[in-house]
């Protein structure tokens, strides 16, 4: 069973990441958010609110309450 989230405080926002709700600080850029969650931004593809967002726009895009993100990690191999 999923753990219940506390209501967001004024200093946090709620978003959906890979289908699960999470809380984060409002006003983070996408690279800041990804790093705070343990991702390496240079190794992921990001869908932001239903749109594959071009990497050059990531730094200008700030996360907000209700945003939906899908993060796909790029894995190399041979």
PDB file of N, CA and C in Angstrom:
ATOM      1  N   UNK A   1       0.844  -1.167   0.000  1.00  0.00           N
ATOM      2  CA  UNK A   1       0.000   0.000   0.000  1.00  0.00           C
ATOM      3  C   UNK A   1       0.893   1.235   0.000  1.00  0.00           C
ATOM      4  N   UNK A   2       0.526   2.264  -0.754  1.00  0.00           N
ATOM      5  CA  UNK A   2       1.301   3.497  -0.831  1.00  0.00           C
ATOM      6  C   UNK A   2       1.195   4.268   0.467  1.00  0.00           C
ATOM      7  N   UNK A   3       2.289   4.903   0.817  1.00  0.00           N
ATOM      8  CA  UNK A   3       2.330   5.721   2.026  1.00  0.00           C
ATOM      9  C   UNK A   3       1.590   7.031   1.770  1.00  0.00           C
ATOM     10  N   UNK A   4       0.785   7.462   2.738  1.00  0.00           N
ATOM     11  CA  UNK A   4       0.023   8.700   2.589  1.00  0.00           C
ATOM     12  C   UNK A   4       0.970   9.888   2.667  1.00  0.00           C
ATOM     13  N   UNK A   5       0.785  10.835   1.783  1.00  0.00           N
ATOM     14  CA  UNK A   5       1.586  12.051   1.805  1.00  0.00           C
ATOM     15  C   UNK A   5       0.926  13.081   2.692  1.00  0.00           C
ATOM     16  N   UNK A   6       1.763  13.845   3.377  1.00  0.00           N
ATOM     17  CA  UNK A   6       1.227  14.947   4.160  1.00  0.00           C
ATOM     18  C   UNK A   6       0.773  16.037   3.204  1.00  0.00           C
ATOM     19  N   UNK A   7      -0.188  16.858   3.626  1.00  0.00           N
ATOM     20  CA  UNK A   7      -0.585  17.971   2.756  1.00  0.00           C
ATOM     21  C   UNK A   7       0.615  18.867   2.483  1.00  0.00           C
ATOM     22  N   UNK A   8       0.717  19.408   1.273  1.00  0.00           N
ATOM     23  CA  UNK A   8       1.865  20.259   0.972  1.00  0.00           C
ATOM     24  C   UNK A   8       1.858  21.513   1.829  1.00  0.00           C
ATOM     25  N   UNK A   9       3.038  21.907   2.267  1.00  0.00           N
ATOM     26  CA  UNK A   9       3.161  23.159   3.009  1.00  0.00           C
ATOM     27  C   UNK A   9       3.316  24.285   1.995  1.00  0.00           C
ATOM     28  N   UNK A  10       3.225  25.530   2.437  1.00  0.00           N
ATOM     29  CA  UNK A  10       3.422  26.634   1.488  1.00  0.00           C
ATOM     30  C   UNK A  10       4.803  26.599   0.839  1.00  0.00           C
ATOM     31  N   UNK A  11       5.744  25.898   1.488  1.00  0.00           N
ATOM     32  CA  UNK A  11       7.102  25.822   0.963  1.00  0.00           C
ATOM     33  C   UNK A  11       7.322  24.555   0.139  1.00  0.00           C
ATOM     34  N   UNK A  12       6.254  23.886  -0.289  1.00  0.00           N
ATOM     35  CA  UNK A  12       6.419  22.694  -1.113  1.00  0.00           C
ATOM     36  C   UNK A  12       5.303  22.636  -2.152  1.00  0.00           C
ATOM     37  N   UNK A  13       5.554  21.869  -3.186  1.00  0.00           N
ATOM     38  CA  UNK A  13       4.515  21.645  -4.187  1.00  0.00           C
ATOM     39  C   UNK A  13       4.422  20.156  -4.457  1.00  0.00           C
ATOM     40  N   UNK A  14       3.285  19.741  -4.915  1.00  0.00           N
ATOM     41  CA  UNK A  14       3.019  18.330  -5.188  1.00  0.00           C
ATOM     42  C   UNK A  14       3.046  18.129  -6.697  1.00  0.00           C
ATOM     43  N   UNK A  15       3.774  17.111  -7.116  1.00  0.00           N
ATOM     44  CA  UNK A  15       3.790  16.769  -8.533  1.00  0.00           C
ATOM     45  C   UNK A  15       3.732  15.258  -8.679  1.00  0.00           C
ATOM     46  N   UNK A  16       3.539  14.823  -9.904  1.00  0.00           N
ATOM     47  CA  UNK A  16       3.472  13.386 -10.190  1.00  0.00           C
ATOM     48  C   UNK A  16       4.714  13.046 -11.003  1.00  0.00           C
ATOM     49  N   UNK A  17       5.513  12.125 -10.471  1.00  0.00           N
ATOM     50  CA  UNK A  17       6.757  11.707 -11.101  1.00  0.00           C
ATOM     51  C   UNK A  17       6.669  10.219 -11.403  1.00  0.00           C
ATOM     52  N   UNK A  18       6.730   9.876 -12.678  1.00  0.00           N
ATOM     53  CA  UNK A  18       6.633   8.478 -13.111  1.00  0.00           C
ATOM     54  C   UNK A  18       5.415   7.797 -12.491  1.00  0.00           C
ATOM     55  N   UNK A  19       4.303   8.524 -12.440  1.00  0.00           N
ATOM     56  CA  UNK A  19       3.044   7.965 -11.973  1.00  0.00           C
ATOM     57  C   UNK A  19       2.820   8.014 -10.476  1.00  0.00           C
ATOM     58  N   UNK A  20       3.805   8.485  -9.705  1.00  0.00           N
ATOM     59  CA  UNK A  20       3.658   8.547  -8.258  1.00  0.00           C
ATOM     60  C   UNK A  20       3.757   9.983  -7.767  1.00  0.00           C
ATOM     61  N   UNK A  21       2.930  10.310  -6.770  1.00  0.00           N
ATOM     62  CA  UNK A  21       2.983  11.658  -6.217  1.00  0.00           C
ATOM     63  C   UNK A  21       4.231  11.844  -5.382  1.00  0.00           C
ATOM     64  N   UNK A  22       4.818  13.038  -5.468  1.00  0.00           N
ATOM     65  CA  UNK A  22       5.935  13.386  -4.599  1.00  0.00           C
ATOM     66  C   UNK A  22       5.869  14.879  -4.309  1.00  0.00           C
ATOM     67  N   UNK A  23       6.567  15.278  -3.260  1.00  0.00           N
ATOM     68  CA  UNK A  23       6.640  16.678  -2.862  1.00  0.00           C
ATOM     69  C   UNK A  23       8.019  17.203  -3.195  1.00  0.00           C
ATOM     70  N   UNK A  24       8.079  18.470  -3.582  1.00  0.00           N
ATOM     71  CA  UNK A  24       9.363  19.099  -3.858  1.00  0.00           C
ATOM     72  C   UNK A  24       9.268  20.580  -3.518  1.00  0.00           C
ATOM     73  N   UNK A  25      10.397  21.231  -3.534  1.00  0.00           N
ATOM     74  CA  UNK A  25      10.424  22.675  -3.317  1.00  0.00           C
ATOM     75  C   UNK A  25       9.894  23.367  -4.564  1.00  0.00           C
ATOM     76  N   UNK A  26       9.039  24.357  -4.407  1.00  0.00           N
ATOM     77  CA  UNK A  26       8.546  25.076  -5.587  1.00  0.00           C
ATOM     78  C   UNK A  26       9.648  25.935  -6.193  1.00  0.00           C
ATOM     79  N   UNK A  27       9.547  26.153  -7.486  1.00  0.00           N
ATOM     80  CA  UNK A  27      10.471  27.044  -8.171  1.00  0.00           C
ATOM     81  C   UNK A  27      11.777  26.420  -8.593  1.00  0.00           C
ATOM     82  N   UNK A  28      11.926  25.096  -8.425  1.00  0.00           N
ATOM     83  CA  UNK A  28      13.132  24.437  -8.908  1.00  0.00           C
ATOM     84  C   UNK A  28      13.086  24.341 -10.430  1.00  0.00           C
ATOM     85  N   UNK A  29      14.236  24.489 -11.064  1.00  0.00           N
ATOM     86  CA  UNK A  29      14.300  24.208 -12.496  1.00  0.00           C
ATOM     87  C   UNK A  29      14.289  22.690 -12.663  1.00  0.00           C
ATOM     88  N   UNK A  30      14.030  22.240 -13.870  1.00  0.00           N
ATOM     89  CA  UNK A  30      13.996  20.796 -14.102  1.00  0.00           C
ATOM     90  C   UNK A  30      15.339  20.127 -13.780  1.00  0.00           C
ATOM     91  N   UNK A  31      16.492  20.687 -14.197  1.00  0.00           N
ATOM     92  CA  UNK A  31      17.750  20.047 -13.804  1.00  0.00           C
ATOM     93  C   UNK A  31      17.944  20.009 -12.280  1.00  0.00           C
ATOM     94  N   UNK A  32      17.551  21.058 -11.585  1.00  0.00           N
ATOM     95  CA  UNK A  32      17.663  21.069 -10.123  1.00  0.00           C
ATOM     96  C   UNK A  32      16.795  19.985  -9.502  1.00  0.00           C
ATOM     97  N   UNK A  33      15.571  19.864  -9.992  1.00  0.00           N
ATOM     98  CA  UNK A  33      14.670  18.830  -9.484  1.00  0.00           C
ATOM     99  C   UNK A  33      15.254  17.443  -9.742  1.00  0.00           C
ATOM    100  N   UNK A  34      15.700  17.194 -10.968  1.00  0.00           N
ATOM    101  CA  UNK A  34      16.252  15.881 -11.306  1.00  0.00           C
ATOM    102  C   UNK A  34      17.443  15.537 -10.413  1.00  0.00           C
ATOM    103  N   UNK A  35      18.355  16.486 -10.204  1.00  0.00           N
ATOM    104  CA  UNK A  35      19.511  16.232  -9.336  1.00  0.00           C
ATOM    105  C   UNK A  35      19.070  15.953  -7.902  1.00  0.00           C
ATOM    106  N   UNK A  36      18.068  16.702  -7.417  1.00  0.00           N
ATOM    107  CA  UNK A  36      17.603  16.509  -6.042  1.00  0.00           C
ATOM    108  C   UNK A  36      16.977  15.123  -5.855  1.00  0.00           C
ATOM    109  N   UNK A  37      16.511  14.521  -6.946  1.00  0.00           N
ATOM    110  CA  UNK A  37      15.903  13.192  -6.892  1.00  0.00           C
ATOM    111  C   UNK A  37      16.903  12.075  -7.217  1.00  0.00           C
ATOM    112  N   UNK A  38      18.159  12.451  -7.437  1.00  0.00           N
ATOM    113  CA  UNK A  38      19.197  11.452  -7.682  1.00  0.00           C
ATOM    114  C   UNK A  38      19.439  11.099  -9.135  1.00  0.00           C
ATOM    115  N   UNK A  39      18.817  11.827 -10.057  1.00  0.00           N
ATOM    116  CA  UNK A  39      19.039  11.587 -11.486  1.00  0.00           C
ATOM    117  C   UNK A  39      20.214  12.420 -11.974  1.00  0.00           C
ATOM    118  N   UNK A  40      20.864  11.940 -13.019  1.00  0.00           N
ATOM    119  CA  UNK A  40      21.863  12.735 -13.734  1.00  0.00           C
ATOM    120  C   UNK A  40      21.154  13.290 -14.968  1.00  0.00           C
ATOM    121  N   UNK A  41      20.871  14.595 -14.989  1.00  0.00           N
ATOM    122  CA  UNK A  41      20.067  15.160 -16.085  1.00  0.00           C
ATOM    123  C   UNK A  41      20.599  14.854 -17.484  1.00  0.00           C
ATOM    124  N   UNK A  42      21.899  14.721 -17.626  1.00  0.00           N
ATOM    125  CA  UNK A  42      22.463  14.443 -18.946  1.00  0.00           C
ATOM    126  C   UNK A  42      22.179  13.020 -19.416  1.00  0.00           C
ATOM    127  N   UNK A  43      21.636  12.173 -18.518  1.00  0.00           N
ATOM    128  CA  UNK A  43      21.387  10.769 -18.863  1.00  0.00           C
ATOM    129  C   UNK A  43      19.907  10.400 -18.839  1.00  0.00           C
ATOM    130  N   UNK A  44      19.032  11.396 -18.967  1.00  0.00           N
ATOM    131  CA  UNK A  44      17.599  11.101 -18.973  1.00  0.00           C
ATOM    132  C   UNK A  44      16.908  11.818 -20.126  1.00  0.00           C
ATOM    133  N   UNK A  45      15.742  11.301 -20.464  1.00  0.00           N
ATOM    134  CA  UNK A  45      14.799  11.965 -21.368  1.00  0.00           C
ATOM    135  C   UNK A  45      13.618  12.335 -20.494  1.00  0.00           C
ATOM    136  N   UNK A  46      13.040  13.496 -20.723  1.00  0.00           N
ATOM    137  CA  UNK A  46      12.017  14.012 -19.829  1.00  0.00           C
ATOM    138  C   UNK A  46      10.745  14.377 -20.583  1.00  0.00           C
ATOM    139  N   UNK A  47       9.634  13.843 -20.094  1.00  0.00           N
ATOM    140  CA  UNK A  47       8.322  14.273 -20.563  1.00  0.00           C
ATOM    141  C   UNK A  47       7.747  15.160 -19.468  1.00  0.00           C
ATOM    142  N   UNK A  48       7.382  16.377 -19.844  1.00  0.00           N
ATOM    143  CA  UNK A  48       6.887  17.372 -18.896  1.00  0.00           C
ATOM    144  C   UNK A  48       5.461  17.749 -19.283  1.00  0.00           C
ATOM    145  N   UNK A  49       4.511  17.398 -18.432  1.00  0.00           N
ATOM    146  CA  UNK A  49       3.091  17.677 -18.691  1.00  0.00           C
ATOM    147  C   UNK A  49       2.658  17.216 -20.076  1.00  0.00           C
ATOM    148  N   UNK A  50       3.083  15.984 -20.434  1.00  0.00           N
ATOM    149  CA  UNK A  50       2.638  15.368 -21.672  1.00  0.00           C
ATOM    150  C   UNK A  50       3.436  15.715 -22.906  1.00  0.00           C
ATOM    151  N   UNK A  51       4.505  16.489 -22.751  1.00  0.00           N
ATOM    152  CA  UNK A  51       5.303  16.920 -23.899  1.00  0.00           C
ATOM    153  C   UNK A  51       6.762  16.555 -23.670  1.00  0.00           C
ATOM    154  N   UNK A  52       7.407  15.956 -24.690  1.00  0.00           N
ATOM    155  CA  UNK A  52       8.848  15.728 -24.606  1.00  0.00           C
ATOM    156  C   UNK A  52       9.497  17.106 -24.701  1.00  0.00           C
ATOM    157  N   UNK A  53      10.113  17.501 -23.620  1.00  0.00           N
ATOM    158  CA  UNK A  53      10.656  18.858 -23.534  1.00  0.00           C
ATOM    159  C   UNK A  53      12.102  18.870 -24.020  1.00  0.00           C
ATOM    160  N   UNK A  54      12.421  19.719 -25.006  1.00  0.00           N
ATOM    161  CA  UNK A  54      13.804  19.798 -25.492  1.00  0.00           C
ATOM    162  C   UNK A  54      14.747  20.214 -24.353  1.00  0.00           C
ATOM    163  N   UNK A  55      15.878  19.562 -24.278  1.00  0.00           N
ATOM    164  CA  UNK A  55      16.853  19.818 -23.221  1.00  0.00           C
ATOM    165  C   UNK A  55      17.218  21.309 -23.058  1.00  0.00           C
ATOM    166  N   UNK A  56      17.365  22.090 -24.125  1.00  0.00           N
ATOM    167  CA  UNK A  56      17.704  23.509 -23.941  1.00  0.00           C
ATOM    168  C   UNK A  56      16.661  24.302 -23.134  1.00  0.00           C
ATOM    169  N   UNK A  57      15.435  23.800 -23.034  1.00  0.00           N
ATOM    170  CA  UNK A  57      14.387  24.503 -22.281  1.00  0.00           C
ATOM    171  C   UNK A  57      14.343  24.116 -20.808  1.00  0.00           C
ATOM    172  N   UNK A  58      15.056  23.064 -20.424  1.00  0.00           N
ATOM    173  CA  UNK A  58      14.962  22.552 -19.067  1.00  0.00           C
ATOM    174  C   UNK A  58      15.333  23.596 -18.008  1.00  0.00           C
ATOM    175  N   UNK A  59      16.404  24.337 -18.231  1.00  0.00           N
ATOM    176  CA  UNK A  59      16.879  25.281 -17.204  1.00  0.00           C
ATOM    177  C   UNK A  59      15.883  26.410 -16.960  1.00  0.00           C
ATOM    178  N   UNK A  60      15.101  26.767 -17.966  1.00  0.00           N
ATOM    179  CA  UNK A  60      14.125  27.849 -17.818  1.00  0.00           C
ATOM    180  C   UNK A  60      12.783  27.373 -17.282  1.00  0.00           C
ATOM    181  N   UNK A  61      12.531  26.070 -17.338  1.00  0.00           N
ATOM    182  CA  UNK A  61      11.233  25.537 -16.910  1.00  0.00           C
ATOM    183  C   UNK A  61      11.248  25.256 -15.416  1.00  0.00           C
ATOM    184  N   UNK A  62      10.424  25.967 -14.670  1.00  0.00           N
ATOM    185  CA  UNK A  62      10.324  25.761 -13.232  1.00  0.00           C
ATOM    186  C   UNK A  62       9.158  24.841 -12.926  1.00  0.00           C
ATOM    187  N   UNK A  63       9.340  23.944 -11.963  1.00  0.00           N
ATOM    188  CA  UNK A  63       8.274  23.013 -11.596  1.00  0.00           C
ATOM    189  C   UNK A  63       7.266  23.723 -10.700  1.00  0.00           C
ATOM    190  N   UNK A  64       6.026  23.292 -10.816  1.00  0.00           N
ATOM    191  CA  UNK A  64       4.960  23.869 -10.019  1.00  0.00           C
ATOM    192  C   UNK A  64       3.978  22.801  -9.569  1.00  0.00           C
ATOM    193  N   UNK A  65       3.105  23.185  -8.680  1.00  0.00           N
ATOM    194  CA  UNK A  65       2.115  22.277  -8.129  1.00  0.00           C
ATOM    195  C   UNK A  65       1.276  21.671  -9.252  1.00  0.00           C
ATOM    196  N   UNK A  66       1.134  20.353  -9.231  1.00  0.00           N
ATOM    197  CA  UNK A  66       0.308  19.656 -10.214  1.00  0.00           C
ATOM    198  C   UNK A  66       1.025  19.232 -11.476  1.00  0.00           C
ATOM    199  N   UNK A  67       2.310  19.594 -11.631  1.00  0.00           N
ATOM    200  CA  UNK A  67       3.047  19.171 -12.819  1.00  0.00           C
ATOM    201  C   UNK A  67       3.170  17.653 -12.861  1.00  0.00           C
ATOM    202  N   UNK A  68       3.276  17.121 -14.073  1.00  0.00           N
ATOM    203  CA  UNK A  68       3.434  15.684 -14.272  1.00  0.00           C
ATOM    204  C   UNK A  68       4.689  15.444 -15.090  1.00  0.00           C
ATOM    205  N   UNK A  69       5.579  14.610 -14.555  1.00  0.00           N
ATOM    206  CA  UNK A  69       6.838  14.315 -15.218  1.00  0.00           C
ATOM    207  C   UNK A  69       7.019  12.811 -15.372  1.00  0.00           C
ATOM    208  N   UNK A  70       7.548  12.435 -16.510  1.00  0.00           N
ATOM    209  CA  UNK A  70       7.965  11.058 -16.744  1.00  0.00           C
ATOM    210  C   UNK A  70       9.445  11.135 -17.073  1.00  0.00           C
ATOM    211  N   UNK A  71      10.262  10.409 -16.329  1.00  0.00           N
ATOM    212  CA  UNK A  71      11.697  10.412 -16.511  1.00  0.00           C
ATOM    213  C   UNK A  71      12.119   9.029 -17.007  1.00  0.00           C
ATOM    214  N   UNK A  72      12.813   9.008 -18.137  1.00  0.00           N
ATOM    215  CA  UNK A  72      13.318   7.766 -18.701  1.00  0.00           C
ATOM    216  C   UNK A  72      14.841   7.851 -18.682  1.00  0.00           C
ATOM    217  N   UNK A  73      15.471   6.894 -18.005  1.00  0.00           N
ATOM    218  CA  UNK A  73      16.925   6.871 -17.900  1.00  0.00           C
ATOM    219  C   UNK A  73      17.517   6.197 -19.123  1.00  0.00           C
ATOM    220  N   UNK A  74      18.550   6.817 -19.673  1.00  0.00           N
ATOM    221  CA  UNK A  74      19.256   6.259 -20.820  1.00  0.00           C
ATOM    222  C   UNK A  74      20.307   5.283 -20.279  1.00  0.00           C
ATOM    223  N   UNK A  75      20.265   4.069 -20.793  1.00  0.00           N
ATOM    224  CA  UNK A  75      21.202   3.043 -20.357  1.00  0.00           C
ATOM    225  C   UNK A  75      22.005   2.570 -21.543  1.00  0.00           C
ATOM    226  N   UNK A  76      23.320   2.615 -21.417  1.00  0.00           N
ATOM    227  CA  UNK A  76      24.172   2.129 -22.482  1.00  0.00           C
ATOM    228  C   UNK A  76      24.540   0.671 -22.241  1.00  0.00           C
ATOM    229  N   UNK A  77      24.934   0.030 -23.287  1.00  0.00           N
ATOM    230  CA  UNK A  77      25.337  -1.367 -23.136  1.00  0.00           C
ATOM    231  C   UNK A  77      25.872  -1.898 -24.442  1.00  0.00           C
ATOM    232  N   UNK A  78      26.267  -3.106 -24.393  1.00  0.00           N
ATOM    233  CA  UNK A  78      26.806  -3.665 -25.613  1.00  0.00           C
ATOM    234  C   UNK A  78      26.645  -5.137 -25.688  1.00  0.00           C
TER     235      UNK A  78
END
